[in-house]
Full PDB file with SEQRES, HELIX, SHEET, SSBOND, CRYST1, ORIGX, SCALE, CONECT and MASTER records, all heavy atoms in Angstrom:
SEQRES   1 A   41  GLY ALA ALA SER ALA ASP GLY SER VAL PRO GLY GLY GLU          
SEQRES   2 A   41  VAL LEU GLY LYS ALA SER ASP ILE PRO VAL GLY GLY GLY          
SEQRES   3 A   41  LYS VAL PHE GLU GLU GLN GLU VAL VAL VAL THR GLN PRO          
SEQRES   4 A   41  LYS GLU                                                      
HELIX    1 AA1 ALA A   18  ASP A   20  5                                   3    
HELIX    2 AA2 GLU A   30  GLN A   32  5                                   3    
SHEET    1 AA1 2 GLY A  25  PHE A  29  0                                        
SHEET    2 AA1 2 VAL A  34  GLN A  38 -1                                        
CRYST1    1.000    1.000    1.000  90.00  90.00  90.00 P 1           1          
ORIGX1      1.000000  0.000000  0.000000        0.00000                         
ORIGX2      0.000000  1.000000  0.000000        0.00000                         
ORIGX3      0.000000  0.000000  1.000000        0.00000                         
SCALE1      1.000000  0.000000  0.000000        0.00000                         
SCALE2      0.000000  1.000000  0.000000        0.00000                         
SCALE3      0.000000  0.000000  1.000000        0.00000                         
ATOM      1  N   GLY A   1     113.711  70.914 207.018  1.00  0.00           N  
ATOM      2  CA  GLY A   1     114.438  70.026 207.892  1.00  0.00           C  
ATOM      3  C   GLY A   1     115.886  70.415 208.135  1.00  0.00           C  
ATOM      4  O   GLY A   1     116.570  69.745 208.881  1.00  0.00           O  
ATOM      5  N   ALA A   2     116.382  71.461 207.512  1.00  0.00           N  
ATOM      6  CA  ALA A   2     117.795  71.814 207.647  1.00  0.00           C  
ATOM      7  C   ALA A   2     117.953  73.222 208.178  1.00  0.00           C  
ATOM      8  O   ALA A   2     117.150  74.089 207.892  1.00  0.00           O  
ATOM      9  CB  ALA A   2     118.470  71.697 206.286  1.00  0.00           C  
ATOM     10  N   ALA A   3     119.003  73.443 208.942  1.00  0.00           N  
ATOM     11  CA  ALA A   3     119.296  74.793 209.423  1.00  0.00           C  
ATOM     12  C   ALA A   3     119.822  75.614 208.268  1.00  0.00           C  
ATOM     13  O   ALA A   3     120.488  75.100 207.380  1.00  0.00           O  
ATOM     14  CB  ALA A   3     120.325  74.734 210.550  1.00  0.00           C  
ATOM     15  N   SER A   4     119.531  76.896 208.271  1.00  0.00           N  
ATOM     16  CA  SER A   4     120.013  77.765 207.212  1.00  0.00           C  
ATOM     17  C   SER A   4     121.482  78.087 207.438  1.00  0.00           C  
ATOM     18  O   SER A   4     122.033  77.817 208.499  1.00  0.00           O  
ATOM     19  CB  SER A   4     119.180  79.046 207.165  1.00  0.00           C  
ATOM     20  OG  SER A   4     119.327  79.762 208.358  1.00  0.00           O  
ATOM     21  N   ALA A   5     122.110  78.684 206.424  1.00  0.00           N  
ATOM     22  CA  ALA A   5     123.537  78.987 206.478  1.00  0.00           C  
ATOM     23  C   ALA A   5     123.894  79.897 207.653  1.00  0.00           C  
ATOM     24  O   ALA A   5     124.993  79.841 208.182  1.00  0.00           O  
ATOM     25  CB  ALA A   5     123.982  79.616 205.163  1.00  0.00           C  
ATOM     26  N   ASP A   6     122.940  80.753 208.068  1.00  0.00           N  
ATOM     27  CA  ASP A   6     123.244  81.672 209.164  1.00  0.00           C  
ATOM     28  C   ASP A   6     122.994  81.039 210.540  1.00  0.00           C  
ATOM     29  O   ASP A   6     123.105  81.705 211.564  1.00  0.00           O  
ATOM     30  CB  ASP A   6     122.447  82.973 209.024  1.00  0.00           C  
ATOM     31  CG  ASP A   6     120.949  82.765 209.171  1.00  0.00           C  
ATOM     32  OD1 ASP A   6     120.497  81.623 209.353  1.00  0.00           O  
ATOM     33  OD2 ASP A   6     120.211  83.762 209.105  1.00  0.00           O  
ATOM     34  N   GLY A   7     122.621  79.739 210.547  1.00  0.00           N  
ATOM     35  CA  GLY A   7     122.428  79.051 211.811  1.00  0.00           C  
ATOM     36  C   GLY A   7     121.063  79.269 212.438  1.00  0.00           C  
ATOM     37  O   GLY A   7     120.820  78.854 213.559  1.00  0.00           O  
ATOM     38  N   SER A   8     120.154  79.939 211.708  1.00  0.00           N  
ATOM     39  CA  SER A   8     118.830  80.196 212.275  1.00  0.00           C  
ATOM     40  C   SER A   8     118.028  78.905 212.362  1.00  0.00           C  
ATOM     41  O   SER A   8     118.364  77.902 211.759  1.00  0.00           O  
ATOM     42  CB  SER A   8     118.089  81.245 211.437  1.00  0.00           C  
ATOM     43  OG  SER A   8     117.862  80.757 210.142  1.00  0.00           O  
ATOM     44  N   VAL A   9     116.974  78.945 213.104  1.00  0.00           N  
ATOM     45  CA  VAL A   9     116.123  77.789 213.319  1.00  0.00           C  
ATOM     46  C   VAL A   9     115.411  77.441 212.018  1.00  0.00           C  
ATOM     47  O   VAL A   9     115.013  78.315 211.272  1.00  0.00           O  
ATOM     48  CB  VAL A   9     115.066  78.119 214.403  1.00  0.00           C  
ATOM     49  CG1 VAL A   9     114.389  76.862 214.893  1.00  0.00           C  
ATOM     50  CG2 VAL A   9     115.664  78.889 215.542  1.00  0.00           C  
ATOM     51  N   PRO A  10     115.222  76.147 211.732  1.00  0.00           N  
ATOM     52  CA  PRO A  10     114.501  75.758 210.528  1.00  0.00           C  
ATOM     53  C   PRO A  10     113.080  76.314 210.549  1.00  0.00           C  
ATOM     54  O   PRO A  10     112.536  76.602 211.592  1.00  0.00           O  
ATOM     55  CB  PRO A  10     114.477  74.233 210.604  1.00  0.00           C  
ATOM     56  CG  PRO A  10     115.532  73.850 211.568  1.00  0.00           C  
ATOM     57  CD  PRO A  10     115.694  75.015 212.507  1.00  0.00           C  
ATOM     58  N   GLY A  11     112.482  76.418 209.379  1.00  0.00           N  
ATOM     59  CA  GLY A  11     111.099  76.856 209.322  1.00  0.00           C  
ATOM     60  C   GLY A  11     110.870  77.907 208.274  1.00  0.00           C  
ATOM     61  O   GLY A  11     109.808  78.479 208.196  1.00  0.00           O  
ATOM     62  N   GLY A  12     111.819  78.179 207.451  1.00  0.00           N  
ATOM     63  CA  GLY A  12     111.619  79.122 206.366  1.00  0.00           C  
ATOM     64  C   GLY A  12     112.453  80.375 206.511  1.00  0.00           C  
ATOM     65  O   GLY A  12     112.956  80.696 207.592  1.00  0.00           O  
ATOM     66  N   GLU A  13     112.582  81.041 205.399  1.00  0.00           N  
ATOM     67  CA  GLU A  13     113.362  82.275 205.339  1.00  0.00           C  
ATOM     68  C   GLU A  13     112.711  83.377 206.167  1.00  0.00           C  
ATOM     69  O   GLU A  13     111.510  83.598 206.088  1.00  0.00           O  
ATOM     70  CB  GLU A  13     113.461  82.714 203.884  1.00  0.00           C  
ATOM     71  CG  GLU A  13     114.273  83.955 203.660  1.00  0.00           C  
ATOM     72  CD  GLU A  13     114.386  84.324 202.192  1.00  0.00           C  
ATOM     73  OE1 GLU A  13     113.852  83.605 201.330  1.00  0.00           O  
ATOM     74  OE2 GLU A  13     115.001  85.355 201.920  1.00  0.00           O  
ATOM     75  N   VAL A  14     113.501  84.084 206.948  1.00  0.00           N  
ATOM     76  CA  VAL A  14     112.992  85.189 207.753  1.00  0.00           C  
ATOM     77  C   VAL A  14     112.696  86.369 206.836  1.00  0.00           C  
ATOM     78  O   VAL A  14     113.542  86.790 206.043  1.00  0.00           O  
ATOM     79  CB  VAL A  14     114.000  85.610 208.849  1.00  0.00           C  
ATOM     80  CG1 VAL A  14     113.534  86.877 209.548  1.00  0.00           C  
ATOM     81  CG2 VAL A  14     114.208  84.486 209.839  1.00  0.00           C  
ATOM     82  N   LEU A  15     111.470  86.887 206.925  1.00  0.00           N  
ATOM     83  CA  LEU A  15     111.082  88.073 206.160  1.00  0.00           C  
ATOM     84  C   LEU A  15     111.312  89.341 206.970  1.00  0.00           C  
ATOM     85  O   LEU A  15     111.791  90.335 206.451  1.00  0.00           O  
ATOM     86  CB  LEU A  15     109.615  87.987 205.738  1.00  0.00           C  
ATOM     87  CG  LEU A  15     109.273  86.897 204.726  1.00  0.00           C  
ATOM     88  CD1 LEU A  15     107.763  86.847 204.496  1.00  0.00           C  
ATOM     89  CD2 LEU A  15     110.007  87.132 203.419  1.00  0.00           C  
ATOM     90  N   GLY A  16     110.936  89.318 208.220  1.00  0.00           N  
ATOM     91  CA  GLY A  16     111.077  90.511 209.049  1.00  0.00           C  
ATOM     92  C   GLY A  16     110.339  90.351 210.364  1.00  0.00           C  
ATOM     93  O   GLY A  16     109.958  89.250 210.756  1.00  0.00           O  
ATOM     94  N   LYS A  17     110.128  91.492 211.007  1.00  0.00           N  
ATOM     95  CA  LYS A  17     109.447  91.517 212.297  1.00  0.00           C  
ATOM     96  C   LYS A  17     107.959  91.779 212.101  1.00  0.00           C  
ATOM     97  O   LYS A  17     107.570  92.618 211.288  1.00  0.00           O  
ATOM     98  CB  LYS A  17     110.023  92.619 213.173  1.00  0.00           C  
ATOM     99  CG  LYS A  17     111.474  92.462 213.500  1.00  0.00           C  
ATOM    100  CD  LYS A  17     111.950  93.660 214.306  1.00  0.00           C  
ATOM    101  CE  LYS A  17     113.434  93.611 214.545  1.00  0.00           C  
ATOM    102  NZ  LYS A  17     113.903  94.816 215.235  1.00  0.00           N  
ATOM    103  N   ALA A  18     107.162  91.112 212.895  1.00  0.00           N  
ATOM    104  CA  ALA A  18     105.717  91.332 212.851  1.00  0.00           C  
ATOM    105  C   ALA A  18     105.387  92.779 213.194  1.00  0.00           C  
ATOM    106  O   ALA A  18     104.441  93.357 212.654  1.00  0.00           O  
ATOM    107  CB  ALA A  18     105.013  90.377 213.805  1.00  0.00           C  
ATOM    108  N   SER A  19     106.186  93.385 214.057  1.00  0.00           N  
ATOM    109  CA  SER A  19     105.942  94.776 214.458  1.00  0.00           C  
ATOM    110  C   SER A  19     106.142  95.772 213.308  1.00  0.00           C  
ATOM    111  O   SER A  19     105.697  96.912 213.402  1.00  0.00           O  
ATOM    112  CB  SER A  19     106.844  95.149 215.633  1.00  0.00           C  
ATOM    113  OG  SER A  19     108.208  95.010 215.275  1.00  0.00           O  
ATOM    114  N   ASP A  20     106.778  95.329 212.224  1.00  0.00           N  
ATOM    115  CA  ASP A  20     106.975  96.198 211.055  1.00  0.00           C  
ATOM    116  C   ASP A  20     105.759  96.223 210.123  1.00  0.00           C  
ATOM    117  O   ASP A  20     105.725  96.992 209.161  1.00  0.00           O  
ATOM    118  CB  ASP A  20     108.201  95.748 210.248  1.00  0.00           C  
ATOM    119  CG  ASP A  20     109.503  95.989 210.987  1.00  0.00           C  
ATOM    120  OD1 ASP A  20     109.524  96.816 211.927  1.00  0.00           O  
ATOM    121  OD2 ASP A  20     110.504  95.338 210.623  1.00  0.00           O  
ATOM    122  N   ILE A  21     104.774  95.372 210.396  1.00  0.00           N  
ATOM    123  CA  ILE A  21     103.576  95.296 209.560  1.00  0.00           C  
ATOM    124  C   ILE A  21     102.458  96.052 210.275  1.00  0.00           C  
ATOM    125  O   ILE A  21     101.957  95.604 211.307  1.00  0.00           O  
ATOM    126  CB  ILE A  21     103.137  93.833 209.315  1.00  0.00           C  
ATOM    127  CG1 ILE A  21     104.321  92.956 208.872  1.00  0.00           C  
ATOM    128  CG2 ILE A  21     101.981  93.786 208.319  1.00  0.00           C  
ATOM    129  CD1 ILE A  21     104.995  93.384 207.597  1.00  0.00           C  
ATOM    130  N   PRO A  22     102.037  97.193 209.735  1.00  0.00           N  
ATOM    131  CA  PRO A  22     100.994  97.972 210.416  1.00  0.00           C  
ATOM    132  C   PRO A  22      99.620  97.298 210.328  1.00  0.00           C  
ATOM    133  O   PRO A  22      99.298  96.648 209.339  1.00  0.00           O  
ATOM    134  CB  PRO A  22     100.985  99.299 209.648  1.00  0.00           C  
ATOM    135  CG  PRO A  22     101.539  98.975 208.300  1.00  0.00           C  
ATOM    136  CD  PRO A  22     102.505  97.836 208.506  1.00  0.00           C  
ATOM    137  N   VAL A  23      98.830  97.457 211.381  1.00  0.00           N  
ATOM    138  CA  VAL A  23      97.456  96.964 211.370  1.00  0.00           C  
ATOM    139  C   VAL A  23      96.701  97.738 210.288  1.00  0.00           C  
ATOM    140  O   VAL A  23      96.803  98.961 210.188  1.00  0.00           O  
ATOM    141  CB  VAL A  23      96.778  97.153 212.746  1.00  0.00           C  
ATOM    142  CG1 VAL A  23      95.314  96.736 212.684  1.00  0.00           C  
ATOM    143  CG2 VAL A  23      97.520  96.374 213.814  1.00  0.00           C  
ATOM    144  N   GLY A  24      95.980  97.011 209.434  1.00  0.00           N  
ATOM    145  CA  GLY A  24      95.257  97.636 208.329  1.00  0.00           C  
ATOM    146  C   GLY A  24      96.151  97.952 207.140  1.00  0.00           C  
ATOM    147  O   GLY A  24      95.734  98.611 206.196  1.00  0.00           O  
ATOM    148  N   GLY A  25      97.374  97.459 207.172  1.00  0.00           N  
ATOM    149  CA  GLY A  25      98.331  97.733 206.092  1.00  0.00           C  
ATOM    150  C   GLY A  25      99.167  96.512 205.795  1.00  0.00           C  
ATOM    151  O   GLY A  25      98.751  95.381 206.013  1.00  0.00           O  
ATOM    152  N   GLY A  26     100.375  96.759 205.306  1.00  0.00           N  
ATOM    153  CA  GLY A  26     101.254  95.654 204.974  1.00  0.00           C  
ATOM    154  C   GLY A  26     102.605  96.139 204.518  1.00  0.00           C  
ATOM    155  O   GLY A  26     102.891  97.340 204.540  1.00  0.00           O  
ATOM    156  N   LYS A  27     103.421  95.190 204.102  1.00  0.00           N  
ATOM    157  CA  LYS A  27     104.770  95.495 203.637  1.00  0.00           C  
ATOM    158  C   LYS A  27     105.139  94.535 202.517  1.00  0.00           C  
ATOM    159  O   LYS A  27     104.873  93.345 202.606  1.00  0.00           O  
ATOM    160  CB  LYS A  27     105.759  95.359 204.796  1.00  0.00           C  
ATOM    161  CG  LYS A  27     107.190  95.669 204.422  1.00  0.00           C  
ATOM    162  CD  LYS A  27     108.106  95.599 205.627  1.00  0.00           C  
ATOM    163  CE  LYS A  27     109.541  95.904 205.219  1.00  0.00           C  
ATOM    164  NZ  LYS A  27     110.449  95.842 206.359  1.00  0.00           N  
ATOM    165  N   VAL A  28     105.790  95.083 201.479  1.00  0.00           N  
ATOM    166  CA  VAL A  28     106.260  94.278 200.361  1.00  0.00           C  
ATOM    167  C   VAL A  28     107.708  93.879 200.630  1.00  0.00           C  
ATOM    168  O   VAL A  28     108.543  94.729 200.928  1.00  0.00           O  
ATOM    169  CB  VAL A  28     106.169  95.061 199.029  1.00  0.00           C  
ATOM    170  CG1 VAL A  28     106.730  94.236 197.870  1.00  0.00           C  
ATOM    171  CG2 VAL A  28     104.732  95.473 198.741  1.00  0.00           C  
ATOM    172  N   PHE A  29     107.993  92.589 200.524  1.00  0.00           N  
ATOM    173  CA  PHE A  29     109.347  92.066 200.619  1.00  0.00           C  
ATOM    174  C   PHE A  29     109.756  91.742 199.183  1.00  0.00           C  
ATOM    175  O   PHE A  29     109.539  90.637 198.685  1.00  0.00           O  
ATOM    176  CB  PHE A  29     109.395  90.836 201.526  1.00  0.00           C  
ATOM    177  CG  PHE A  29     109.013  91.165 202.948  1.00  0.00           C  
ATOM    178  CD1 PHE A  29     107.694  91.076 203.372  1.00  0.00           C  
ATOM    179  CD2 PHE A  29     109.980  91.594 203.848  1.00  0.00           C  
ATOM    180  CE1 PHE A  29     107.338  91.394 204.673  1.00  0.00           C  
ATOM    181  CE2 PHE A  29     109.635  91.912 205.163  1.00  0.00           C  
ATOM    182  CZ  PHE A  29     108.308  91.822 205.567  1.00  0.00           C  
ATOM    183  N   GLU A  30     110.297  92.765 198.516  1.00  0.00           N  
ATOM    184  CA  GLU A  30     110.556  92.691 197.081  1.00  0.00           C  
ATOM    185  C   GLU A  30     111.489  91.554 196.699  1.00  0.00           C  
ATOM    186  O   GLU A  30     111.241  90.849 195.721  1.00  0.00           O  
ATOM    187  CB  GLU A  30     111.114  94.028 196.585  1.00  0.00           C  
ATOM    188  CG  GLU A  30     111.176  94.124 195.085  1.00  0.00           C  
ATOM    189  CD  GLU A  30     111.563  95.497 194.595  1.00  0.00           C  
ATOM    190  OE1 GLU A  30     111.372  96.490 195.316  1.00  0.00           O  
ATOM    191  OE2 GLU A  30     112.064  95.567 193.473  1.00  0.00           O  
ATOM    192  N   GLU A  31     112.553  91.360 197.454  1.00  0.00           N  
ATOM    193  CA  GLU A  31     113.534  90.322 197.112  1.00  0.00           C  
ATOM    194  C   GLU A  31     112.899  88.926 197.096  1.00  0.00           C  
ATOM    195  O   GLU A  31     113.198  88.100 196.254  1.00  0.00           O  
ATOM    196  CB  GLU A  31     114.695  90.360 198.096  1.00  0.00           C  
ATOM    197  CG  GLU A  31     115.798  89.374 197.755  1.00  0.00           C  
ATOM    198  CD  GLU A  31     116.970  89.482 198.710  1.00  0.00           C  
ATOM    199  OE1 GLU A  31     117.347  90.602 199.098  1.00  0.00           O  
ATOM    200  OE2 GLU A  31     117.507  88.419 199.067  1.00  0.00           O  
ATOM    201  N   GLN A  32     111.989  88.685 198.034  1.00  0.00           N  
ATOM    202  CA  GLN A  32     111.323  87.383 198.118  1.00  0.00           C  
ATOM    203  C   GLN A  32     110.031  87.345 197.308  1.00  0.00           C  
ATOM    204  O   GLN A  32     109.386  86.305 197.243  1.00  0.00           O  
ATOM    205  CB  GLN A  32     111.030  87.039 199.581  1.00  0.00           C  
ATOM    206  CG  GLN A  32     112.257  86.842 200.418  1.00  0.00           C  
ATOM    207  CD  GLN A  32     112.800  88.151 200.997  1.00  0.00           C  
ATOM    208  OE1 GLN A  32     112.278  89.236 200.785  1.00  0.00           O  
ATOM    209  NE2 GLN A  32     113.897  88.046 201.730  1.00  0.00           N  
ATOM    210  N   GLU A  33     109.642  88.471 196.735  1.00  0.00           N  
ATOM    211  CA  GLU A  33     108.403  88.597 195.962  1.00  0.00           C  
ATOM    212  C   GLU A  33     107.183  88.179 196.780  1.00  0.00           C  
ATOM    213  O   GLU A  33     106.311  87.436 196.331  1.00  0.00           O  
ATOM    214  CB  GLU A  33     108.500  87.809 194.656  1.00  0.00           C  
ATOM    215  CG  GLU A  33     109.570  88.343 193.737  1.00  0.00           C  
ATOM    216  CD  GLU A  33     109.668  87.610 192.414  1.00  0.00           C  
ATOM    217  OE1 GLU A  33     108.979  86.585 192.214  1.00  0.00           O  
ATOM    218  OE2 GLU A  33     110.441  88.068 191.563  1.00  0.00           O  
ATOM    219  N   VAL A  34     107.137  88.695 198.016  1.00  0.00           N  
ATOM    220  CA  VAL A  34     106.046  88.395 198.942  1.00  0.00           C  
ATOM    221  C   VAL A  34     105.558  89.699 199.547  1.00  0.00           C  
ATOM    222  O   VAL A  34     106.350  90.604 199.812  1.00  0.00           O  
ATOM    223  CB  VAL A  34     106.535  87.452 200.068  1.00  0.00           C  
ATOM    224  CG1 VAL A  34     105.485  87.264 201.141  1.00  0.00           C  
ATOM    225  CG2 VAL A  34     106.948  86.110 199.496  1.00  0.00           C  
ATOM    226  N   VAL A  35     104.250  89.782 199.769  1.00  0.00           N  
ATOM    227  CA  VAL A  35     103.685  90.904 200.509  1.00  0.00           C  
ATOM    228  C   VAL A  35     102.974  90.310 201.725  1.00  0.00           C  
ATOM    229  O   VAL A  35     102.277  89.301 201.611  1.00  0.00           O  
ATOM    230  CB  VAL A  35     102.739  91.770 199.646  1.00  0.00           C  
ATOM    231  CG1 VAL A  35     101.586  90.974 199.080  1.00  0.00           C  
ATOM    232  CG2 VAL A  35     102.224  92.974 200.411  1.00  0.00           C  
ATOM    233  N   VAL A  36     103.204  90.916 202.882  1.00  0.00           N  
ATOM    234  CA  VAL A  36     102.567  90.469 204.122  1.00  0.00           C  
ATOM    235  C   VAL A  36     101.660  91.587 204.597  1.00  0.00           C  
ATOM    236  O   VAL A  36     102.070  92.750 204.642  1.00  0.00           O  
ATOM    237  CB  VAL A  36     103.612  90.121 205.208  1.00  0.00           C  
ATOM    238  CG1 VAL A  36     102.916  89.752 206.520  1.00  0.00           C  
ATOM    239  CG2 VAL A  36     104.517  88.981 204.743  1.00  0.00           C  
ATOM    240  N   THR A  37     100.419  91.227 204.926  1.00  0.00           N  
ATOM    241  CA  THR A  37      99.462  92.215 205.420  1.00  0.00           C  
ATOM    242  C   THR A  37      98.995  91.825 206.811  1.00  0.00           C  
ATOM    243  O   THR A  37      99.148  90.678 207.244  1.00  0.00           O  
ATOM    244  CB  THR A  37      98.232  92.327 204.484  1.00  0.00           C  
ATOM    245  OG1 THR A  37      97.516  91.084 204.480  1.00  0.00           O  
ATOM    246  CG2 THR A  37      98.651  92.701 203.064  1.00  0.00           C  
ATOM    247  N   GLN A  38      98.417  92.806 207.504  1.00  0.00           N  
ATOM    248  CA  GLN A  38      97.821  92.574 208.826  1.00  0.00           C  
ATOM    249  C   GLN A  38      96.449  93.260 208.824  1.00  0.00           C  
ATOM    250  O   GLN A  38      96.299  94.383 209.293  1.00  0.00           O  
ATOM    251  CB  GLN A  38      98.718  93.132 209.955  1.00  0.00           C  
ATOM    252  CG  GLN A  38      98.219  92.772 211.313  1.00  0.00           C  
ATOM    253  CD  GLN A  38      99.115  93.233 212.462  1.00  0.00           C  
ATOM    254  OE1 GLN A  38      98.858  92.850 213.574  1.00  0.00           O  
ATOM    255  NE2 GLN A  38     100.131  94.051 212.232  1.00  0.00           N  
ATOM    256  N   PRO A  39      95.446  92.563 208.264  1.00  0.00           N  
ATOM    257  CA  PRO A  39      94.108  93.171 208.172  1.00  0.00           C  
ATOM    258  C   PRO A  39      93.530  93.556 209.530  1.00  0.00           C  
ATOM    259  O   PRO A  39      92.887  94.590 209.668  1.00  0.00           O  
ATOM    260  CB  PRO A  39      93.257  92.095 207.510  1.00  0.00           C  
ATOM    261  CG  PRO A  39      94.225  91.160 206.870  1.00  0.00           C  
ATOM    262  CD  PRO A  39      95.488  91.242 207.674  1.00  0.00           C  
ATOM    263  N   LYS A  40      93.728  92.697 210.536  1.00  0.00           N  
ATOM    264  CA  LYS A  40      93.285  92.953 211.907  1.00  0.00           C  
ATOM    265  C   LYS A  40      94.457  92.685 212.831  1.00  0.00           C  
ATOM    266  O   LYS A  40      95.358  91.914 212.489  1.00  0.00           O  
ATOM    267  CB  LYS A  40      92.130  92.017 212.290  1.00  0.00           C  
ATOM    268  CG  LYS A  40      90.851  92.247 211.522  1.00  0.00           C  
ATOM    269  CD  LYS A  40      89.737  91.409 212.112  1.00  0.00           C  
ATOM    270  CE  LYS A  40      89.417  90.257 211.179  1.00  0.00           C  
ATOM    271  NZ  LYS A  40      88.346  89.409 211.660  1.00  0.00           N  
ATOM    272  N   GLU A  41      94.428  93.295 213.992  1.00  0.00           N  
ATOM    273  CA  GLU A  41      95.490  93.104 214.988  1.00  0.00           C  
ATOM    274  C   GLU A  41      95.791  91.618 215.186  1.00  0.00           C  
ATOM    275  O   GLU A  41      94.895  90.825 215.483  1.00  0.00           O  
ATOM    276  CB  GLU A  41      95.066  93.715 216.324  1.00  0.00           C  
ATOM    277  CG  GLU A  41      96.081  93.542 217.418  1.00  0.00           C  
ATOM    278  CD  GLU A  41      96.924  94.775 217.635  1.00  0.00           C  
ATOM    279  OE1 GLU A  41      96.431  95.883 217.384  1.00  0.00           O  
ATOM    280  OE2 GLU A  41      98.069  94.620 218.057  1.00  0.00           O  
TER     281      GLU A  41                                                      
MASTER        0    0    0    2    2    0    0    6  280    1    0    4          
END                                                                             
């Protein structure tokens, strides 16, 4: 419900761009301890 310190839109911490996640692969966001994958396009 609150805007972040950088003024971004509410909805959670930004991890990155969807275009940075390869189809059939993924990316580890070490600082947030999250891995995002894109099994299919």
